[in-house]
Amino acid sequence: MNILFLNSAHDWGGNEKWTYLAIQCLAEDHQIHLAYRDDLIGNRFDFEIKKYKLPFLFEGDLFSIIKLIWIVRRKQIDVLIPTKRKDYVLAGIAAKICKKKNILRLGIVRELHNKWHNNMVYNKLADGIIVNAERIKSVLLKSKFIKNDKIKVIYNGLDLSNLNWVVKTSKPPENCSFLVSSMGRLSHRKRFDYLIKGFNQFISATGTNDSQLEIIGEGEELNALKDLTSKLKIEDRVNFSGFLSNPYPQLAASDVFILLSRNEGISNALLEAMYFKNAIIATVAGGTAEFIENGINGYLLEEVDIKRIGALLQDLYLNPEKRKRLGEAAHQTVLRKFSLKAMKDSLESFCKEVL
C-alpha cells in the first residue's frame, strides 16, 4: 500500500510519537509518505520516507488541499491517515476528490455533539476511524451519525527491541534513592501543578531529603510550574528536563511514574514507564482503566486528590517490595498487550479492510 500520514502539529507530543511508531513499522512493507507543517516535526522523522512540508493554515486551506491532491495522484496514494483535527478535513477533501480512502486517527476521548460539522468531519469525509482505547470508541458511538464498524480500536505499540539496553546504563540522580517521574506536554490538561503539590505533600509528611521529582517535557506551563516549586520551596527537589529525544534512561532510573491527565487516549509515556517497571499512579482518563488494575499493576485515581497522591508516594517510598511488585506487574502488562507487531498487524488489516 501507499500510505500518506498527515500531521500539522507545532510541538512534539504523544500523537506525534504514535505517528512516528506507526510510520516506522509500516515502512518495512509499504510506501510511506508524510505531510507536515513544522520542521520540528518533520526533522524528527529521521528514516527513509517521502516528506512534504505544507502550510496547513486552516481547514479550508486551498493551497494545502491542492498540494495534497497532487501528492495523492502523483504518488498513487491508497490511504490517507490524518492525525490532527485540522488534518481530518484537508485529508478528507483530497481523498474524496481523488476517490481514495481517508482514515482518521484519534488518540483522545472526544465527545461529538450532533452538529453538521462533526457529521461532515467524522462521517461524510471519513472512511474509517482509528482509536487507541475502547473508551474513545464508546464515546464516539454516542453520536447518532457514527457507525460501529467504522471505528477500530488499535492499542499503541512500543518498539521494545530498542529499550532493553537502557536498564543496564541508567542511573538515578546523585543523592537520590527515590525518583518520581512524569512526562508529557506541560499544559493545563496534564495537571503537573497537582503533581508538584502532591510531591510536596509527600516531602512534608516524610521529611525525606533523598527524593526527587523529574518532569520531562516542554510547554506553555513551564514558567508557572517553576514558580510553583519556588513558592513551595522545593525548587531544588524538582528537575524540569525539557523535551528529551531519548527519555528512557530517566524512566528506567525512576521508581514511580505519575500521570494526572484530565483526558487521554492511552499514553505512550505511561506505557514506556510501565515497561521500565515503575510503580504507576494515574488518573482514570481515556483508556487507562482498560489496562491498569488498581492495586495490582498500579494505582488509579478517580479524582485528583493532593493528599491521596502524597499518601501513595509515602507508602511506596516506605515499602520498596510493594514498588517492585507493582512495577513487575506493569512490565508484564506491556509485554502482553502493547507490542509494536500487534499494532502493525492491526493497522495493515484495517487499512486493507477499508480499501
Protein backbone atom coordinates (compact mmCIF):
# COMPACT_ATOMS: atom_id res chain seq x y z
CA MET A 1 0.00 0.00 0.00
CA ASN A 2 0.95 3.64 -0.48
CA ILE A 3 0.02 5.48 2.72
CA LEU A 4 0.14 9.22 3.41
CA PHE A 5 0.22 10.37 7.03
CA LEU A 6 -0.66 13.99 7.87
CA ASN A 7 0.47 15.85 11.00
CA SER A 8 0.10 19.62 11.30
CA ALA A 9 1.43 19.93 14.86
CA HIS A 10 3.87 22.61 16.00
CA ASP A 11 5.04 20.60 19.03
CA TRP A 12 6.03 17.01 19.71
CA GLY A 13 3.65 15.02 21.86
CA GLY A 14 2.01 11.62 22.23
CA ASN A 15 0.13 11.95 18.95
CA GLU A 16 3.38 12.63 17.11
CA LYS A 17 5.10 9.74 18.88
CA TRP A 18 2.30 7.42 17.71
CA THR A 19 2.71 8.71 14.13
CA TYR A 20 6.45 8.07 14.33
CA LEU A 21 5.99 4.48 15.51
CA ALA A 22 3.19 3.77 13.02
CA ILE A 23 5.31 5.00 10.13
CA GLN A 24 8.38 3.17 11.41
CA CYS A 25 6.67 -0.21 11.50
CA LEU A 26 4.60 0.17 8.30
CA ALA A 27 7.58 1.42 6.28
CA GLU A 28 9.04 -2.09 6.41
CA ASP A 29 6.47 -3.35 3.90
CA HIS A 30 4.73 -0.30 2.42
CA GLN A 31 5.48 3.01 0.72
CA ILE A 32 5.03 5.66 3.40
CA HIS A 33 4.73 9.43 2.95
CA LEU A 34 4.38 12.24 5.49
CA ALA A 35 2.84 15.70 5.07
CA TYR A 36 3.84 18.01 7.93
CA ARG A 37 3.76 21.70 8.83
CA ASP A 38 6.66 22.39 11.20
CA ASP A 39 10.32 21.42 10.74
CA LEU A 40 10.43 20.45 14.41
CA ILE A 41 8.09 17.60 13.46
CA GLY A 42 9.42 16.76 10.01
CA ASN A 43 13.06 16.60 11.08
CA ARG A 44 12.37 14.02 13.77
CA PHE A 45 11.19 11.50 11.19
CA ASP A 46 14.77 10.55 10.50
CA PHE A 47 14.26 7.42 8.42
CA GLU A 48 13.76 6.95 4.68
CA ILE A 49 10.28 8.15 3.77
CA LYS A 50 8.94 10.79 1.40
CA LYS A 51 8.20 14.04 3.28
CA TYR A 52 6.28 17.14 2.16
CA LYS A 53 6.06 20.42 4.03
CA LEU A 54 2.61 22.07 3.72
CA PRO A 55 1.24 25.26 5.31
CA PHE A 56 -1.84 23.61 6.93
CA LEU A 57 -3.23 27.11 7.61
CA PHE A 58 -6.84 26.17 8.34
CA GLU A 59 -9.43 23.52 7.47
CA GLY A 60 -10.22 25.10 4.11
CA ASP A 61 -6.63 25.96 3.15
CA LEU A 62 -6.84 25.78 -0.65
CA PHE A 63 -3.09 25.56 -1.23
CA SER A 64 -2.73 22.60 1.15
CA ILE A 65 -5.69 20.85 -0.49
CA ILE A 66 -4.25 21.32 -3.99
CA LYS A 67 -0.83 20.10 -2.81
CA LEU A 68 -2.40 17.05 -1.15
CA ILE A 69 -4.29 16.21 -4.34
CA TRP A 70 -1.01 16.46 -6.26
CA ILE A 71 0.74 14.13 -3.80
CA VAL A 72 -2.12 11.60 -3.82
CA ARG A 73 -2.27 11.46 -7.61
CA ARG A 74 1.46 11.70 -8.33
CA LYS A 75 2.46 9.13 -5.69
CA GLN A 76 -0.61 6.90 -6.20
CA ILE A 77 -1.62 7.09 -2.54
CA ASP A 78 -4.16 4.48 -1.44
CA VAL A 79 -4.92 5.64 2.10
CA LEU A 80 -4.59 8.98 3.90
CA ILE A 81 -4.19 8.89 7.70
CA PRO A 82 -4.60 12.37 9.25
CA THR A 83 -3.74 12.69 12.94
CA LYS A 84 -4.93 16.20 13.93
CA ARG A 85 -8.38 17.83 13.78
CA LYS A 86 -7.41 20.27 11.02
CA ASP A 87 -5.85 17.46 9.00
CA TYR A 88 -9.07 15.42 9.11
CA VAL A 89 -10.85 17.93 6.87
CA LEU A 90 -7.97 18.61 4.48
CA ALA A 91 -7.30 14.89 4.02
CA GLY A 92 -11.00 14.15 3.67
CA ILE A 93 -11.49 16.69 0.88
CA ALA A 94 -8.39 15.48 -1.00
CA ALA A 95 -9.45 11.85 -0.60
CA LYS A 96 -12.97 12.50 -1.91
CA ILE A 97 -11.68 14.38 -4.94
CA CYS A 98 -9.14 11.65 -5.74
CA LYS A 99 -11.52 8.79 -4.81
CA LYS A 100 -9.15 7.42 -2.17
CA LYS A 101 -9.70 6.38 1.44
CA ASN A 102 -9.38 8.64 4.47
CA ILE A 103 -8.83 7.01 7.90
CA LEU A 104 -8.72 9.37 10.88
CA ARG A 105 -6.57 8.66 13.89
CA LEU A 106 -7.99 9.92 17.20
CA GLY A 107 -5.95 9.39 20.36
CA ILE A 108 -8.08 11.17 22.95
CA VAL A 109 -11.64 10.99 24.24
CA ARG A 110 -13.74 13.46 22.27
CA GLU A 111 -17.48 13.93 22.54
CA LEU A 112 -19.09 14.68 19.20
CA HIS A 113 -22.19 16.77 19.61
CA ASN A 114 -24.60 16.10 16.80
CA LYS A 115 -23.77 19.11 14.69
CA TRP A 116 -23.44 19.23 10.94
CA HIS A 117 -19.72 19.98 11.19
CA ASN A 118 -18.88 16.86 13.20
CA ASN A 119 -21.13 14.79 10.93
CA MET A 120 -19.14 16.08 7.95
CA VAL A 121 -15.69 15.51 9.51
CA TYR A 122 -16.15 12.15 11.25
CA ASN A 123 -18.75 10.59 8.96
CA LYS A 124 -19.02 12.05 5.46
CA LEU A 125 -15.29 12.71 4.95
CA ALA A 126 -14.02 9.70 6.92
CA ASP A 127 -13.95 6.12 5.66
CA GLY A 128 -12.60 4.81 8.97
CA ILE A 129 -11.50 5.95 12.42
CA ILE A 130 -8.57 4.52 14.38
CA VAL A 131 -8.71 4.99 18.17
CA ASN A 132 -6.37 3.62 20.83
CA ALA A 133 -8.86 2.87 23.59
CA GLU A 134 -12.29 1.28 23.94
CA ARG A 135 -13.33 4.32 25.98
CA ILE A 136 -12.78 6.61 22.97
CA LYS A 137 -14.88 4.32 20.79
CA SER A 138 -17.75 4.16 23.28
CA VAL A 139 -17.89 7.96 23.50
CA LEU A 140 -17.84 8.34 19.69
CA LEU A 141 -20.69 5.85 19.34
CA LYS A 142 -22.93 8.13 21.40
CA SER A 143 -23.17 10.26 18.26
CA LYS A 144 -26.07 9.30 16.02
CA PHE A 145 -24.03 9.51 12.83
CA ILE A 146 -21.10 7.25 13.82
CA LYS A 147 -21.42 3.54 13.00
CA ASN A 148 -19.70 0.80 14.99
CA ASP A 149 -17.97 -0.83 12.01
CA LYS A 150 -16.28 2.45 11.07
CA ILE A 151 -14.20 2.51 14.28
CA LYS A 152 -11.23 0.26 15.01
CA VAL A 153 -9.55 0.08 18.41
CA ILE A 154 -5.80 -0.39 17.94
CA TYR A 155 -3.70 -0.21 21.08
CA ASN A 156 -0.44 1.74 20.93
CA GLY A 157 2.61 -0.35 20.25
CA LEU A 158 6.07 0.10 21.73
CA ASP A 159 9.31 -0.71 19.97
CA LEU A 160 10.61 -2.83 22.82
CA SER A 161 13.66 -4.03 20.91
CA ASN A 162 15.22 -0.59 21.34
CA LEU A 163 14.56 -0.35 25.06
CA ASN A 164 16.24 -3.39 26.60
CA TRP A 165 19.75 -1.89 26.72
CA VAL A 166 18.59 1.16 28.69
CA VAL A 167 18.15 -0.55 32.06
CA LYS A 168 21.82 -1.50 32.18
CA THR A 169 23.01 2.07 31.59
CA SER A 170 20.50 4.08 33.64
CA LYS A 171 21.39 5.62 36.99
CA PRO A 172 19.33 7.71 39.42
CA PRO A 173 20.44 11.29 40.13
CA GLU A 174 23.17 11.74 42.70
CA ASN A 175 22.00 11.55 46.34
CA CYS A 176 18.58 10.27 45.23
CA SER A 177 17.23 6.92 46.40
CA PHE A 178 13.59 7.54 45.40
CA LEU A 179 12.89 9.11 41.99
CA VAL A 180 9.39 10.13 40.93
CA SER A 181 8.88 10.98 37.26
CA SER A 182 6.28 12.24 34.84
CA MET A 183 6.35 13.06 31.14
CA GLY A 184 4.20 14.96 28.68
CA ARG A 185 3.43 18.36 27.30
CA LEU A 186 3.46 20.98 30.07
CA SER A 187 -0.16 22.00 29.59
CA HIS A 188 -3.21 22.59 31.75
CA ARG A 189 -4.65 19.22 30.65
CA LYS A 190 -1.77 17.27 32.20
CA ARG A 191 -2.16 18.80 35.71
CA PHE A 192 1.54 18.96 36.58
CA ASP A 193 0.64 21.55 39.22
CA TYR A 194 -1.26 18.87 41.15
CA LEU A 195 1.70 16.53 40.77
CA ILE A 196 4.09 19.11 42.26
CA LYS A 197 1.71 19.80 45.15
CA GLY A 198 1.29 16.06 45.79
CA PHE A 199 5.06 15.57 45.77
CA ASN A 200 5.41 18.45 48.23
CA GLN A 201 2.79 16.79 50.45
CA PHE A 202 4.90 13.62 50.43
CA ILE A 203 8.10 15.51 51.33
CA SER A 204 6.34 17.36 54.16
CA ALA A 205 4.90 14.13 55.59
CA THR A 206 8.13 12.10 55.48
CA GLY A 207 10.84 14.74 55.84
CA THR A 208 12.81 12.84 53.22
CA ASN A 209 15.83 14.51 51.69
CA ASP A 210 16.75 11.74 49.26
CA SER A 211 13.76 12.01 46.89
CA GLN A 212 13.41 13.93 43.63
CA LEU A 213 10.75 14.66 41.04
CA GLU A 214 11.70 14.60 37.35
CA ILE A 215 9.31 16.29 34.89
CA ILE A 216 10.12 15.57 31.24
CA GLY A 217 8.55 17.78 28.57
CA GLU A 218 8.09 21.32 27.36
CA GLY A 219 5.10 23.61 27.03
CA GLU A 220 3.35 26.82 27.93
CA GLU A 221 3.00 26.00 31.66
CA LEU A 222 6.75 25.74 32.30
CA ASN A 223 7.28 29.14 33.96
CA ALA A 224 4.15 28.82 36.09
CA LEU A 225 5.26 25.37 37.28
CA LYS A 226 8.75 26.63 38.12
CA ASP A 227 7.16 29.49 40.08
CA LEU A 228 5.09 26.94 41.98
CA THR A 229 8.18 24.97 43.03
CA SER A 230 9.77 28.21 44.24
CA LYS A 231 6.65 29.13 46.20
CA LEU A 232 6.67 25.70 47.85
CA LYS A 233 10.44 25.95 48.39
CA ILE A 234 11.15 22.65 46.64
CA GLU A 235 12.87 24.01 43.51
CA ASP A 236 15.98 22.00 44.44
CA ARG A 237 13.89 18.80 44.54
CA VAL A 238 12.13 19.18 41.17
CA ASN A 239 14.00 18.92 37.89
CA PHE A 240 12.48 20.13 34.61
CA SER A 241 14.30 18.17 31.90
CA GLY A 242 12.62 19.77 28.90
CA PHE A 243 11.97 17.70 25.78
CA LEU A 244 14.22 14.64 25.56
CA SER A 245 14.50 12.70 22.32
CA ASN A 246 15.69 9.80 24.48
CA PRO A 247 13.91 9.90 27.86
CA TYR A 248 14.42 6.20 28.51
CA PRO A 249 17.38 6.41 30.93
CA GLN A 250 15.32 8.73 33.15
CA LEU A 251 12.29 6.41 33.02
CA ALA A 252 14.45 3.36 33.71
CA ALA A 253 16.01 5.04 36.76
CA SER A 254 12.60 6.13 38.07
CA ASP A 255 10.78 4.34 40.89
CA VAL A 256 7.30 5.84 40.45
CA PHE A 257 5.65 7.37 37.39
CA ILE A 258 2.63 9.64 37.78
CA LEU A 259 0.18 10.73 35.07
CA LEU A 260 -2.64 13.04 36.17
CA SER A 261 -4.22 13.94 32.81
CA ARG A 262 -7.73 15.27 32.60
CA ASN A 263 -8.17 13.48 29.28
CA GLU A 264 -6.15 10.84 27.43
CA GLY A 265 -6.39 8.03 24.97
CA ILE A 266 -3.64 5.67 26.01
CA SER A 267 -0.42 7.47 26.87
CA ASN A 268 2.80 6.24 25.25
CA ALA A 269 4.75 7.81 28.11
CA LEU A 270 2.73 5.77 30.60
CA LEU A 271 3.34 2.54 28.69
CA GLU A 272 7.07 3.25 28.49
CA ALA A 273 7.23 3.90 32.23
CA MET A 274 5.38 0.63 32.84
CA TYR A 275 7.85 -1.23 30.64
CA PHE A 276 10.67 0.12 32.83
CA LYS A 277 8.92 -1.31 35.92
CA ASN A 278 7.79 1.94 37.50
CA ALA A 279 5.05 1.79 40.09
CA ILE A 280 2.20 3.70 38.42
CA ILE A 281 -0.18 6.34 39.76
CA ALA A 282 -2.63 7.55 37.10
CA THR A 283 -6.00 9.16 36.74
CA VAL A 284 -8.97 7.33 35.27
CA ALA A 285 -8.72 9.17 31.95
CA GLY A 286 -9.38 7.80 28.49
CA GLY A 287 -8.35 4.17 28.26
CA THR A 288 -6.18 4.00 31.38
CA ALA A 289 -8.66 1.79 33.24
CA GLU A 290 -8.54 -0.74 30.38
CA PHE A 291 -5.10 -1.96 31.44
CA ILE A 292 -4.37 -0.56 34.93
CA GLU A 293 -5.89 -2.69 37.70
CA ASN A 294 -5.98 -0.73 40.93
CA GLY A 295 -3.52 -2.15 43.43
CA ILE A 296 -2.39 -4.89 41.01
CA ASN A 297 -0.19 -3.16 38.43
CA GLY A 298 -0.63 0.45 39.56
CA TYR A 299 -2.99 2.85 41.29
CA LEU A 300 -5.98 4.58 39.66
CA LEU A 301 -7.33 7.89 40.90
CA GLU A 302 -11.00 8.64 40.25
CA GLU A 303 -10.33 12.22 41.30
CA VAL A 304 -7.10 14.15 41.71
CA ASP A 305 -6.54 14.48 45.44
CA ILE A 306 -3.24 16.06 46.54
CA LYS A 307 -3.32 14.35 49.93
CA ARG A 308 -4.01 10.99 48.28
CA ILE A 309 -1.05 11.45 45.92
CA GLY A 310 1.18 12.31 48.87
CA ALA A 311 -0.03 9.29 50.84
CA LEU A 312 0.55 6.89 47.93
CA LEU A 313 4.07 8.25 47.44
CA GLN A 314 4.76 7.86 51.14
CA ASP A 315 3.55 4.25 51.08
CA LEU A 316 5.64 3.40 48.01
CA TYR A 317 8.68 5.14 49.48
CA LEU A 318 8.44 3.16 52.71
CA ASN A 319 7.65 -0.17 51.00
CA PRO A 320 10.19 -0.94 48.27
CA GLU A 321 8.90 -4.51 47.90
CA LYS A 322 5.46 -3.17 47.02
CA ARG A 323 7.06 -0.86 44.44
CA LYS A 324 8.87 -3.82 42.94
CA ARG A 325 5.73 -5.96 42.78
CA LEU A 326 3.64 -3.24 41.13
CA GLY A 327 6.44 -2.42 38.70
CA GLU A 328 6.90 -6.01 37.61
CA ALA A 329 3.15 -6.42 37.05
CA ALA A 330 3.11 -3.22 34.98
CA HIS A 331 6.02 -4.53 32.89
CA GLN A 332 4.22 -7.79 32.16
CA THR A 333 1.08 -5.88 31.12
CA VAL A 334 3.02 -4.00 28.44
CA LEU A 335 4.67 -7.17 27.14
CA ARG A 336 1.28 -8.86 26.88
CA LYS A 337 -0.85 -6.10 25.34
CA PHE A 338 1.24 -3.42 23.62
CA SER A 339 3.70 -4.88 21.14
CA LEU A 340 4.64 -2.94 18.00
CA LYS A 341 3.98 -6.02 15.87
CA ALA A 342 0.39 -6.24 17.09
CA MET A 343 -0.10 -2.55 16.28
CA LYS A 344 1.40 -3.00 12.80
CA ASP A 345 -0.73 -6.06 12.02
CA SER A 346 -3.90 -4.27 13.12
CA LEU A 347 -3.10 -1.13 11.12
CA GLU A 348 -2.42 -3.16 7.98
CA SER A 349 -5.57 -5.20 8.43
CA PHE A 350 -7.82 -2.20 8.98
CA CYS A 351 -6.41 -0.26 6.01
CA LYS A 352 -6.98 -3.27 3.76
CA GLU A 353 -10.49 -3.72 5.14
CA VAL A 354 -11.35 -0.09 4.42
CA LEU A 355 -9.87 -0.35 0.92
